[in-house]
Amino acid sequence: MEFNLDQSISILHRTPIVLKSMLQGLPKEWTHQNEGGDTWSPFDVVGHLIHGEKTDWMPRIKIILSDAEDKTFEPYDRFAQFRLSKGKELNDLLEEFESLRKSNLDELLSLNLSPEQLNRGGIHPELGPVILSEVLSAWVVHDLGHIVQVSRVMAKQYKDEVGPWPEYLTVLNS
């Protein structure tokens, strides 16, 4: 499928709604459990998405569209949520994410991006040269990946409780 800005925005718009529907009001047994080790809980994922709204997607888009000679992105701290979300309530994080996303999408729409702008480039600190449409595509896929992650982590809370069904419940085996 070829990149389509309007279709991308329609996915980005829905992510806070999906997560709010899935998580709001649930007990911590569902929202604060992970898959063991260094894995993330749904709470951690929402914190991560908030940090991305503040420091990743729109700042990188602005760098690409700027007149600056150096188009290198700032490194992104993929683990900042552990520090920044400490002591907060999930429902508050969900509200913050929804507000930040709305603001970012309003700003993105106000840019009235042209096909030429979608082909402008920047420099990712680890991946090298990227173009704006790739950043936007990655934003969409990043959201969808975290929705899958939240579903998988929650499903695995009942891995033992489903008895003999795990072989038919593929989410438990990923």
C-alpha atoms as a PDB file:
ATOM      1  CA  MET A   1       0.000   0.000   0.000  1.00  0.00           C
ATOM      2  CA  GLU A   2       1.337   3.426  -0.904  1.00  0.00           C
ATOM      3  CA  PHE A   3       1.611   6.050   1.858  1.00  0.00           C
ATOM      4  CA  ASN A   4      -1.559   8.106   2.256  1.00  0.00           C
ATOM      5  CA  LEU A   5      -1.537  10.997   4.741  1.00  0.00           C
ATOM      6  CA  ASP A   6      -5.310  11.098   5.292  1.00  0.00           C
ATOM      7  CA  GLN A   7      -5.469   7.355   5.955  1.00  0.00           C
ATOM      8  CA  SER A   8      -2.481   7.618   8.275  1.00  0.00           C
ATOM      9  CA  ILE A   9      -4.099  10.406  10.265  1.00  0.00           C
ATOM     10  CA  SER A  10      -7.279   8.349  10.596  1.00  0.00           C
ATOM     11  CA  ILE A  11      -5.260   5.588  12.312  1.00  0.00           C
ATOM     12  CA  LEU A  12      -3.284   8.023  14.479  1.00  0.00           C
ATOM     13  CA  HIS A  13      -6.530   9.678  15.552  1.00  0.00           C
ATOM     14  CA  ARG A  14      -7.981   6.358  16.727  1.00  0.00           C
ATOM     15  CA  THR A  15      -5.092   5.121  18.878  1.00  0.00           C
ATOM     16  CA  PRO A  16      -6.008   7.104  22.019  1.00  0.00           C
ATOM     17  CA  ILE A  17      -9.642   6.086  21.606  1.00  0.00           C
ATOM     18  CA  VAL A  18      -8.724   2.404  21.288  1.00  0.00           C
ATOM     19  CA  LEU A  19      -6.408   2.457  24.295  1.00  0.00           C
ATOM     20  CA  LYS A  20      -8.869   4.419  26.400  1.00  0.00           C
ATOM     21  CA  SER A  21     -11.620   1.912  25.533  1.00  0.00           C
ATOM     22  CA  MET A  22      -9.356  -1.018  26.371  1.00  0.00           C
ATOM     23  CA  LEU A  23      -7.791   0.269  29.571  1.00  0.00           C
ATOM     24  CA  GLN A  24      -9.755   3.024  31.280  1.00  0.00           C
ATOM     25  CA  GLY A  25     -11.121   1.975  34.653  1.00  0.00           C
ATOM     26  CA  LEU A  26      -9.539  -1.483  34.687  1.00  0.00           C
ATOM     27  CA  PRO A  27      -7.916  -2.727  37.879  1.00  0.00           C
ATOM     28  CA  LYS A  28      -4.116  -2.607  38.108  1.00  0.00           C
ATOM     29  CA  GLU A  29      -3.998  -6.407  37.813  1.00  0.00           C
ATOM     30  CA  TRP A  30      -4.791  -5.890  34.110  1.00  0.00           C
ATOM     31  CA  THR A  31      -2.922  -2.658  33.436  1.00  0.00           C
ATOM     32  CA  HIS A  32       0.283  -2.947  35.450  1.00  0.00           C
ATOM     33  CA  GLN A  33       1.315  -6.535  34.696  1.00  0.00           C
ATOM     34  CA  ASN A  34       3.872  -7.343  32.014  1.00  0.00           C
ATOM     35  CA  GLU A  35       5.220 -10.480  30.371  1.00  0.00           C
ATOM     36  CA  GLY A  36       8.112 -10.825  32.797  1.00  0.00           C
ATOM     37  CA  GLY A  37      11.668  -9.549  32.743  1.00  0.00           C
ATOM     38  CA  ASP A  38      12.189  -6.224  31.014  1.00  0.00           C
ATOM     39  CA  THR A  39       8.826  -6.260  29.200  1.00  0.00           C
ATOM     40  CA  TRP A  40       6.257  -3.486  29.389  1.00  0.00           C
ATOM     41  CA  SER A  41       2.828  -3.328  30.960  1.00  0.00           C
ATOM     42  CA  PRO A  42      -0.086  -1.487  29.305  1.00  0.00           C
ATOM     43  CA  PHE A  43       0.630   1.347  31.783  1.00  0.00           C
ATOM     44  CA  ASP A  44       4.234   1.508  30.524  1.00  0.00           C
ATOM     45  CA  VAL A  45       3.089   1.554  26.898  1.00  0.00           C
ATOM     46  CA  VAL A  46       0.787   4.535  27.470  1.00  0.00           C
ATOM     47  CA  GLY A  47       3.634   6.390  29.203  1.00  0.00           C
ATOM     48  CA  HIS A  48       5.896   5.595  26.258  1.00  0.00           C
ATOM     49  CA  LEU A  49       3.328   6.915  23.788  1.00  0.00           C
ATOM     50  CA  ILE A  50       3.021  10.150  25.782  1.00  0.00           C
ATOM     51  CA  HIS A  51       6.787  10.647  25.734  1.00  0.00           C
ATOM     52  CA  GLY A  52       6.745  10.073  21.968  1.00  0.00           C
ATOM     53  CA  GLU A  53       4.059  12.706  21.504  1.00  0.00           C
ATOM     54  CA  LYS A  54       6.234  15.208  23.341  1.00  0.00           C
ATOM     55  CA  THR A  55       9.699  14.412  22.020  1.00  0.00           C
ATOM     56  CA  ASP A  56       9.601  12.168  18.952  1.00  0.00           C
ATOM     57  CA  TRP A  57       7.149  12.447  16.088  1.00  0.00           C
ATOM     58  CA  MET A  58       6.310  16.140  15.722  1.00  0.00           C
ATOM     59  CA  PRO A  59       9.793  17.367  16.721  1.00  0.00           C
ATOM     60  CA  ARG A  60      11.287  15.176  13.987  1.00  0.00           C
ATOM     61  CA  ILE A  61       8.718  16.372  11.467  1.00  0.00           C
ATOM     62  CA  LYS A  62       9.637  19.960  12.343  1.00  0.00           C
ATOM     63  CA  ILE A  63      13.338  19.204  11.874  1.00  0.00           C
ATOM     64  CA  ILE A  64      12.670  17.782   8.413  1.00  0.00           C
ATOM     65  CA  LEU A  65      10.566  20.781   7.398  1.00  0.00           C
ATOM     66  CA  SER A  66      12.943  23.355   8.893  1.00  0.00           C
ATOM     67  CA  ASP A  67      15.472  25.405   6.979  1.00  0.00           C
ATOM     68  CA  ALA A  68      18.243  24.184   9.269  1.00  0.00           C
ATOM     69  CA  GLU A  69      21.304  22.701   7.593  1.00  0.00           C
ATOM     70  CA  ASP A  70      21.641  19.961  10.204  1.00  0.00           C
ATOM     71  CA  LYS A  71      18.585  17.715   9.968  1.00  0.00           C
ATOM     72  CA  THR A  72      19.777  15.187  12.552  1.00  0.00           C
ATOM     73  CA  PHE A  73      17.102  14.081  15.008  1.00  0.00           C
ATOM     74  CA  GLU A  74      17.704  14.092  18.745  1.00  0.00           C
ATOM     75  CA  PRO A  75      18.055  10.551  20.104  1.00  0.00           C
ATOM     76  CA  TYR A  76      14.797   9.253  21.566  1.00  0.00           C
ATOM     77  CA  ASP A  77      14.767   7.764  25.062  1.00  0.00           C
ATOM     78  CA  ARG A  78      12.594   4.669  24.589  1.00  0.00           C
ATOM     79  CA  PHE A  79      12.545   4.033  28.329  1.00  0.00           C
ATOM     80  CA  ALA A  80      11.783   7.518  29.716  1.00  0.00           C
ATOM     81  CA  GLN A  81       8.252   6.454  30.660  1.00  0.00           C
ATOM     82  CA  PHE A  82       9.540   4.484  33.625  1.00  0.00           C
ATOM     83  CA  ARG A  83      10.789   7.711  35.185  1.00  0.00           C
ATOM     84  CA  LEU A  84       8.158  10.108  33.843  1.00  0.00           C
ATOM     85  CA  SER A  85       5.048   8.028  34.647  1.00  0.00           C
ATOM     86  CA  LYS A  86       6.109   7.045  38.148  1.00  0.00           C
ATOM     87  CA  GLY A  87       3.370   7.785  40.679  1.00  0.00           C
ATOM     88  CA  LYS A  88       0.763   8.689  38.055  1.00  0.00           C
ATOM     89  CA  GLU A  89      -2.621   7.096  37.477  1.00  0.00           C
ATOM     90  CA  LEU A  90      -3.358   5.303  34.209  1.00  0.00           C
ATOM     91  CA  ASN A  91      -6.605   7.201  33.623  1.00  0.00           C
ATOM     92  CA  ASP A  92      -4.653  10.474  33.859  1.00  0.00           C
ATOM     93  CA  LEU A  93      -2.080   9.162  31.388  1.00  0.00           C
ATOM     94  CA  LEU A  94      -4.823   8.130  28.960  1.00  0.00           C
ATOM     95  CA  GLU A  95      -6.300  11.652  29.127  1.00  0.00           C
ATOM     96  CA  GLU A  96      -2.868  13.217  28.633  1.00  0.00           C
ATOM     97  CA  PHE A  97      -2.134  10.981  25.655  1.00  0.00           C
ATOM     98  CA  GLU A  98      -5.474  11.826  24.057  1.00  0.00           C
ATOM     99  CA  SER A  99      -4.883  15.560  24.526  1.00  0.00           C
ATOM    100  CA  LEU A 100      -1.309  15.483  23.227  1.00  0.00           C
ATOM    101  CA  ARG A 101      -2.278  13.393  20.211  1.00  0.00           C
ATOM    102  CA  LYS A 102      -5.145  15.738  19.323  1.00  0.00           C
ATOM    103  CA  SER A 103      -2.816  18.716  19.551  1.00  0.00           C
ATOM    104  CA  ASN A 104      -0.146  17.008  17.437  1.00  0.00           C
ATOM    105  CA  LEU A 105      -2.625  15.944  14.762  1.00  0.00           C
ATOM    106  CA  ASP A 106      -4.096  19.457  14.647  1.00  0.00           C
ATOM    107  CA  GLU A 107      -0.583  20.794  14.120  1.00  0.00           C
ATOM    108  CA  LEU A 108       0.185  18.137  11.501  1.00  0.00           C
ATOM    109  CA  LEU A 109      -2.980  18.995   9.575  1.00  0.00           C
ATOM    110  CA  SER A 110      -2.171  22.713   9.742  1.00  0.00           C
ATOM    111  CA  LEU A 111       1.067  22.038   7.852  1.00  0.00           C
ATOM    112  CA  ASN A 112      -0.890  21.207   4.660  1.00  0.00           C
ATOM    113  CA  LEU A 113       1.912  18.911   3.586  1.00  0.00           C
ATOM    114  CA  SER A 114       2.652  18.734  -0.115  1.00  0.00           C
ATOM    115  CA  PRO A 115       4.000  15.669  -1.950  1.00  0.00           C
ATOM    116  CA  GLU A 116       7.339  17.480  -2.197  1.00  0.00           C
ATOM    117  CA  GLN A 117       7.444  17.991   1.579  1.00  0.00           C
ATOM    118  CA  LEU A 118       6.645  14.316   2.159  1.00  0.00           C
ATOM    119  CA  ASN A 119       9.868  13.520   0.289  1.00  0.00           C
ATOM    120  CA  ARG A 120      12.052  15.868   2.335  1.00  0.00           C
ATOM    121  CA  GLY A 121      14.610  14.156   4.504  1.00  0.00           C
ATOM    122  CA  GLY A 122      16.192  14.118   7.900  1.00  0.00           C
ATOM    123  CA  ILE A 123      18.797  12.013   9.671  1.00  0.00           C
ATOM    124  CA  HIS A 124      17.802   9.446  12.268  1.00  0.00           C
ATOM    125  CA  PRO A 125      20.666   9.035  14.786  1.00  0.00           C
ATOM    126  CA  GLU A 126      20.718   5.230  14.374  1.00  0.00           C
ATOM    127  CA  LEU A 127      19.000   4.533  11.044  1.00  0.00           C
ATOM    128  CA  GLY A 128      20.498   7.295   8.909  1.00  0.00           C
ATOM    129  CA  PRO A 129      18.610   9.146   6.169  1.00  0.00           C
ATOM    130  CA  VAL A 130      14.806   9.028   6.274  1.00  0.00           C
ATOM    131  CA  ILE A 131      12.072  10.984   4.523  1.00  0.00           C
ATOM    132  CA  LEU A 132       8.985  12.562   6.039  1.00  0.00           C
ATOM    133  CA  SER A 133       6.556   9.998   4.627  1.00  0.00           C
ATOM    134  CA  GLU A 134       8.648   7.263   6.272  1.00  0.00           C
ATOM    135  CA  VAL A 135       8.490   9.058   9.631  1.00  0.00           C
ATOM    136  CA  LEU A 136       4.716   9.343   9.308  1.00  0.00           C
ATOM    137  CA  SER A 137       4.392   5.704   8.247  1.00  0.00           C
ATOM    138  CA  ALA A 138       6.550   4.624  11.193  1.00  0.00           C
ATOM    139  CA  TRP A 139       4.312   6.644  13.542  1.00  0.00           C
ATOM    140  CA  VAL A 140       1.269   4.682  12.324  1.00  0.00           C
ATOM    141  CA  VAL A 141       2.991   1.296  12.552  1.00  0.00           C
ATOM    142  CA  HIS A 142       4.428   2.207  15.965  1.00  0.00           C
ATOM    143  CA  ASP A 143       0.896   2.888  17.253  1.00  0.00           C
ATOM    144  CA  LEU A 144      -0.487  -0.337  15.809  1.00  0.00           C
ATOM    145  CA  GLY A 145       2.411  -2.335  17.250  1.00  0.00           C
ATOM    146  CA  HIS A 146       1.750  -0.985  20.721  1.00  0.00           C
ATOM    147  CA  ILE A 147      -1.973  -1.758  20.452  1.00  0.00           C
ATOM    148  CA  VAL A 148      -1.007  -5.347  19.617  1.00  0.00           C
ATOM    149  CA  GLN A 149       1.471  -5.344  22.504  1.00  0.00           C
ATOM    150  CA  VAL A 150      -1.151  -4.166  25.004  1.00  0.00           C
ATOM    151  CA  SER A 151      -3.575  -6.865  23.797  1.00  0.00           C
ATOM    152  CA  ARG A 152      -0.907  -9.561  23.994  1.00  0.00           C
ATOM    153  CA  VAL A 153       0.249  -8.570  27.500  1.00  0.00           C
ATOM    154  CA  MET A 154      -3.332  -8.547  28.755  1.00  0.00           C
ATOM    155  CA  ALA A 155      -4.137 -11.884  27.114  1.00  0.00           C
ATOM    156  CA  LYS A 156      -1.118 -13.516  28.728  1.00  0.00           C
ATOM    157  CA  GLN A 157      -2.502 -12.693  32.178  1.00  0.00           C
ATOM    158  CA  TYR A 158      -4.891 -15.635  31.589  1.00  0.00           C
ATOM    159  CA  LYS A 159      -2.405 -17.957  29.894  1.00  0.00           C
ATOM    160  CA  ASP A 160      -2.694 -20.608  32.580  1.00  0.00           C
ATOM    161  CA  GLU A 161      -6.397 -20.038  33.190  1.00  0.00           C
ATOM    162  CA  VAL A 162      -7.442 -21.039  29.646  1.00  0.00           C
ATOM    163  CA  GLY A 163      -6.588 -24.652  30.318  1.00  0.00           C
ATOM    164  CA  PRO A 164      -5.910 -26.649  27.142  1.00  0.00           C
ATOM    165  CA  TRP A 165      -6.652 -23.808  24.667  1.00  0.00           C
ATOM    166  CA  PRO A 166      -3.246 -22.063  24.281  1.00  0.00           C
ATOM    167  CA  GLU A 167      -2.452 -23.885  21.050  1.00  0.00           C
ATOM    168  CA  TYR A 168      -5.589 -22.341  19.509  1.00  0.00           C
ATOM    169  CA  LEU A 169      -5.076 -18.899  21.051  1.00  0.00           C
ATOM    170  CA  THR A 170      -2.164 -17.605  18.990  1.00  0.00           C
ATOM    171  CA  VAL A 171      -1.874 -14.385  20.995  1.00  0.00           C
ATOM    172  CA  LEU A 172      -0.576 -16.486  23.882  1.00  0.00           C
ATOM    173  CA  ASN A 173       2.210 -17.929  21.775  1.00  0.00           C
ATOM    174  CA  SER A 174       3.722 -14.736  20.389  1.00  0.00           C
END
